[in-house]
Each structure stands twice: as structure tokens, then as C-alpha cells.
Amino acid sequence: MVKISRNSMIIRRLQIARRIFKVDTQRLREKLLSQLQELFDMACGQAKNKNLDLMQREKYARVAAYTAQVIEGVAKGFDERQINKQLDELEELVSEARAKTKAGKAQGEVAGKGAATAS
């Protein structure tokens, strides 16, 4: 009969737990990076959109730049609290950019209707 000490069992279980954590963390990191890359691509597209005014395009360029910073941080390490903080900041930037876009479109529609009725 093979005698296994409790210390060996504990160490073995810790090794297994670390392997599982590492795999899960990698899977989460890959998924997050994929989603951030999509957001980066969309923000870059909006920053290059000639139909938006310069101020709006600038806001989307800022979203793209910050997204790139978040991508770099996620790629380097996985500090969940820091990533959540960065994602919250990124969400605020996107909301701010979207709010300005909606307001600009609404003002443009009102101005367009006013000009049409004056003709």
C-alpha cells in the first residue's frame, strides 16, 4: 500500500486549483480581449465617420484610445478590480459620446424641419 501524506494531498490539490484558475482566467481574458477589440474597431469607425462633427469624432477617438489602453492592461495581467474600474471608465466615455451623438442628430432634425417649412 502506498502511503500519501496530507501535505502531498494539499499540495496536489493546490496545483490542480491553480491550473483550473489559470485556464479559466485565460478563457475570460480571451473573451474580454475579443469584446474589447470589437469595441475598439467600432470606436475607430465612428472616429473616421465624416457624417459626425469634429467634436463627436474626437470623443470616439478618445474611446478608441482608452480601449487600446484597457486591452494592453488585460493582455499584461488580470487584476479584476483594476479591469472593472477601467471598464466602468470606458462605459462612461462611450455613454458620453453616444449622448452627444443623439443630441446632435435631434438638433439636426429639428433644424432640417425648420428650414424645410421656411422654404
C-alpha atoms as a PDB file:
ATOM      1  CA  MET A   1       0.000   0.000   0.000  1.00  0.00           C
ATOM      2  CA  VAL A   2       1.259   3.469  -0.915  1.00  0.00           C
ATOM      3  CA  LYS A   3       1.268   5.964   1.885  1.00  0.00           C
ATOM      4  CA  ILE A   4       0.371   9.525   0.870  1.00  0.00           C
ATOM      5  CA  SER A   5       0.842  12.314   3.346  1.00  0.00           C
ATOM      6  CA  ARG A   6      -1.719  15.030   3.883  1.00  0.00           C
ATOM      7  CA  ASN A   7       0.829  17.629   2.826  1.00  0.00           C
ATOM      8  CA  SER A   8       1.229  15.913  -0.535  1.00  0.00           C
ATOM      9  CA  MET A   9      -2.544  15.829  -0.978  1.00  0.00           C
ATOM     10  CA  ILE A  10      -2.840  19.516  -0.119  1.00  0.00           C
ATOM     11  CA  ILE A  11      -0.033  20.476  -2.472  1.00  0.00           C
ATOM     12  CA  ARG A  12      -1.550  18.373  -5.245  1.00  0.00           C
ATOM     13  CA  ARG A  13      -4.954  19.967  -4.790  1.00  0.00           C
ATOM     14  CA  LEU A  14      -3.412  23.436  -4.820  1.00  0.00           C
ATOM     15  CA  GLN A  15      -1.621  22.630  -8.063  1.00  0.00           C
ATOM     16  CA  ILE A  16      -4.881  21.434  -9.613  1.00  0.00           C
ATOM     17  CA  ALA A  17      -6.718  24.540  -8.374  1.00  0.00           C
ATOM     18  CA  ARG A  18      -4.040  26.817  -9.838  1.00  0.00           C
ATOM     19  CA  ARG A  19      -4.224  25.022 -13.186  1.00  0.00           C
ATOM     20  CA  ILE A  20      -8.000  25.363 -13.254  1.00  0.00           C
ATOM     21  CA  PHE A  21      -7.801  29.035 -12.260  1.00  0.00           C
ATOM     22  CA  LYS A  22      -5.186  29.706 -14.919  1.00  0.00           C
ATOM     23  CA  VAL A  23      -7.299  28.055 -17.629  1.00  0.00           C
ATOM     24  CA  ASP A  24     -10.449  29.902 -16.547  1.00  0.00           C
ATOM     25  CA  THR A  25      -8.562  33.179 -16.315  1.00  0.00           C
ATOM     26  CA  GLN A  26      -7.120  32.671 -19.789  1.00  0.00           C
ATOM     27  CA  ARG A  27     -10.564  31.891 -21.176  1.00  0.00           C
ATOM     28  CA  LEU A  28     -12.017  35.010 -19.538  1.00  0.00           C
ATOM     29  CA  ARG A  29      -9.115  37.126 -20.727  1.00  0.00           C
ATOM     30  CA  GLU A  30      -9.512  35.904 -24.318  1.00  0.00           C
ATOM     31  CA  LYS A  31     -13.244  36.601 -24.283  1.00  0.00           C
ATOM     32  CA  LEU A  32     -12.745  40.063 -22.797  1.00  0.00           C
ATOM     33  CA  LEU A  33      -9.992  40.892 -25.286  1.00  0.00           C
ATOM     34  CA  SER A  34     -12.227  39.823 -28.154  1.00  0.00           C
ATOM     35  CA  GLN A  35     -15.058  42.065 -26.969  1.00  0.00           C
ATOM     36  CA  LEU A  36     -12.708  44.977 -26.369  1.00  0.00           C
ATOM     37  CA  GLN A  37     -11.260  44.551 -29.862  1.00  0.00           C
ATOM     38  CA  GLU A  38     -14.779  44.804 -31.323  1.00  0.00           C
ATOM     39  CA  LEU A  39     -15.407  47.969 -29.302  1.00  0.00           C
ATOM     40  CA  PHE A  40     -12.070  49.394 -30.477  1.00  0.00           C
ATOM     41  CA  ASP A  41     -12.951  48.703 -34.111  1.00  0.00           C
ATOM     42  CA  MET A  42     -16.392  50.325 -33.745  1.00  0.00           C
ATOM     43  CA  ALA A  43     -14.954  53.392 -31.996  1.00  0.00           C
ATOM     44  CA  CYS A  44     -12.304  53.762 -34.718  1.00  0.00           C
ATOM     45  CA  GLY A  45     -15.037  53.556 -37.345  1.00  0.00           C
ATOM     46  CA  GLN A  46     -17.027  56.281 -35.622  1.00  0.00           C
ATOM     47  CA  ALA A  47     -13.891  58.425 -35.227  1.00  0.00           C
ATOM     48  CA  LYS A  48     -13.413  58.247 -39.008  1.00  0.00           C
ATOM     49  CA  ASN A  49     -17.108  58.824 -39.797  1.00  0.00           C
ATOM     50  CA  LYS A  50     -17.326  62.008 -41.885  1.00  0.00           C
ATOM     51  CA  ASN A  51     -21.047  62.358 -41.059  1.00  0.00           C
ATOM     52  CA  LEU A  52     -20.211  63.207 -37.427  1.00  0.00           C
ATOM     53  CA  ASP A  53     -18.937  66.614 -36.417  1.00  0.00           C
ATOM     54  CA  LEU A  54     -15.341  67.036 -35.338  1.00  0.00           C
ATOM     55  CA  MET A  55     -16.178  67.086 -31.630  1.00  0.00           C
ATOM     56  CA  GLN A  56     -18.023  63.761 -31.846  1.00  0.00           C
ATOM     57  CA  ARG A  57     -15.263  62.142 -33.847  1.00  0.00           C
ATOM     58  CA  GLU A  58     -12.783  63.360 -31.244  1.00  0.00           C
ATOM     59  CA  LYS A  59     -14.809  61.729 -28.454  1.00  0.00           C
ATOM     60  CA  TYR A  60     -14.878  58.420 -30.309  1.00  0.00           C
ATOM     61  CA  ALA A  61     -11.127  58.694 -30.911  1.00  0.00           C
ATOM     62  CA  ARG A  62     -10.743  59.093 -27.145  1.00  0.00           C
ATOM     63  CA  VAL A  63     -12.899  55.983 -26.611  1.00  0.00           C
ATOM     64  CA  ALA A  64     -10.711  54.053 -29.071  1.00  0.00           C
ATOM     65  CA  ALA A  65      -7.504  55.219 -27.380  1.00  0.00           C
ATOM     66  CA  TYR A  66      -8.744  54.313 -23.917  1.00  0.00           C
ATOM     67  CA  THR A  67      -9.979  50.952 -25.192  1.00  0.00           C
ATOM     68  CA  ALA A  68      -6.486  50.266 -26.514  1.00  0.00           C
ATOM     69  CA  GLN A  69      -5.088  51.045 -23.048  1.00  0.00           C
ATOM     70  CA  VAL A  70      -7.564  48.648 -21.436  1.00  0.00           C
ATOM     71  CA  ILE A  71      -6.640  45.953 -23.978  1.00  0.00           C
ATOM     72  CA  GLU A  72      -2.983  46.432 -23.106  1.00  0.00           C
ATOM     73  CA  GLY A  73      -3.736  46.150 -19.386  1.00  0.00           C
ATOM     74  CA  VAL A  74      -5.771  42.972 -19.825  1.00  0.00           C
ATOM     75  CA  ALA A  75      -3.084  41.464 -22.035  1.00  0.00           C
ATOM     76  CA  LYS A  76      -0.374  42.166 -19.438  1.00  0.00           C
ATOM     77  CA  GLY A  77      -2.184  40.858 -16.386  1.00  0.00           C
ATOM     78  CA  PHE A  78      -5.514  40.107 -14.849  1.00  0.00           C
ATOM     79  CA  ASP A  79      -6.255  42.369 -11.886  1.00  0.00           C
ATOM     80  CA  GLU A  80     -10.025  42.056 -11.755  1.00  0.00           C
ATOM     81  CA  ARG A  81     -10.591  45.199  -9.679  1.00  0.00           C
ATOM     82  CA  GLN A  82      -8.425  47.324 -11.964  1.00  0.00           C
ATOM     83  CA  ILE A  83     -10.071  45.925 -15.085  1.00  0.00           C
ATOM     84  CA  ASN A  84     -13.557  46.568 -13.671  1.00  0.00           C
ATOM     85  CA  LYS A  85     -12.538  50.140 -12.848  1.00  0.00           C
ATOM     86  CA  GLN A  86     -11.216  50.640 -16.384  1.00  0.00           C
ATOM     87  CA  LEU A  87     -14.349  49.120 -17.899  1.00  0.00           C
ATOM     88  CA  ASP A  88     -16.507  51.499 -15.822  1.00  0.00           C
ATOM     89  CA  GLU A  89     -14.485  54.468 -17.098  1.00  0.00           C
ATOM     90  CA  LEU A  90     -14.735  53.163 -20.645  1.00  0.00           C
ATOM     91  CA  GLU A  91     -18.503  52.780 -20.286  1.00  0.00           C
ATOM     92  CA  GLU A  92     -18.751  56.411 -19.125  1.00  0.00           C
ATOM     93  CA  LEU A  93     -16.756  57.585 -22.165  1.00  0.00           C
ATOM     94  CA  VAL A  94     -18.969  55.600 -24.539  1.00  0.00           C
ATOM     95  CA  SER A  95     -22.151  56.900 -22.875  1.00  0.00           C
ATOM     96  CA  GLU A  96     -20.871  60.448 -23.135  1.00  0.00           C
ATOM     97  CA  ALA A  97     -20.010  60.027 -26.803  1.00  0.00           C
ATOM     98  CA  ARG A  98     -23.362  58.396 -27.582  1.00  0.00           C
ATOM     99  CA  ALA A  99     -25.332  61.072 -25.707  1.00  0.00           C
ATOM    100  CA  LYS A 100     -23.699  63.820 -27.750  1.00  0.00           C
ATOM    101  CA  THR A 101     -24.404  61.931 -30.984  1.00  0.00           C
ATOM    102  CA  LYS A 102     -28.100  61.518 -30.164  1.00  0.00           C
ATOM    103  CA  ALA A 103     -28.396  65.170 -29.133  1.00  0.00           C
ATOM    104  CA  GLY A 104     -26.656  66.280 -32.330  1.00  0.00           C
ATOM    105  CA  LYS A 105     -28.954  64.185 -34.512  1.00  0.00           C
ATOM    106  CA  ALA A 106     -32.051  65.523 -32.744  1.00  0.00           C
ATOM    107  CA  GLN A 107     -30.883  69.119 -33.199  1.00  0.00           C
ATOM    108  CA  GLY A 108     -30.062  68.449 -36.857  1.00  0.00           C
ATOM    109  CA  GLU A 109     -33.525  67.009 -37.476  1.00  0.00           C
ATOM    110  CA  VAL A 110     -35.214  69.994 -35.814  1.00  0.00           C
ATOM    111  CA  ALA A 111     -33.064  72.423 -37.793  1.00  0.00           C
ATOM    112  CA  GLY A 112     -33.789  70.493 -41.002  1.00  0.00           C
ATOM    113  CA  LYS A 113     -37.562  70.610 -40.401  1.00  0.00           C
ATOM    114  CA  GLY A 114     -37.418  74.321 -39.602  1.00  0.00           C
ATOM    115  CA  ALA A 115     -35.506  75.047 -42.786  1.00  0.00           C
ATOM    116  CA  ALA A 116     -37.961  72.964 -44.841  1.00  0.00           C
ATOM    117  CA  THR A 117     -41.009  74.830 -43.523  1.00  0.00           C
ATOM    118  CA  ALA A 118     -39.334  78.234 -44.060  1.00  0.00           C
ATOM    119  CA  SER A 119     -38.801  77.440 -47.780  1.00  0.00           C
END
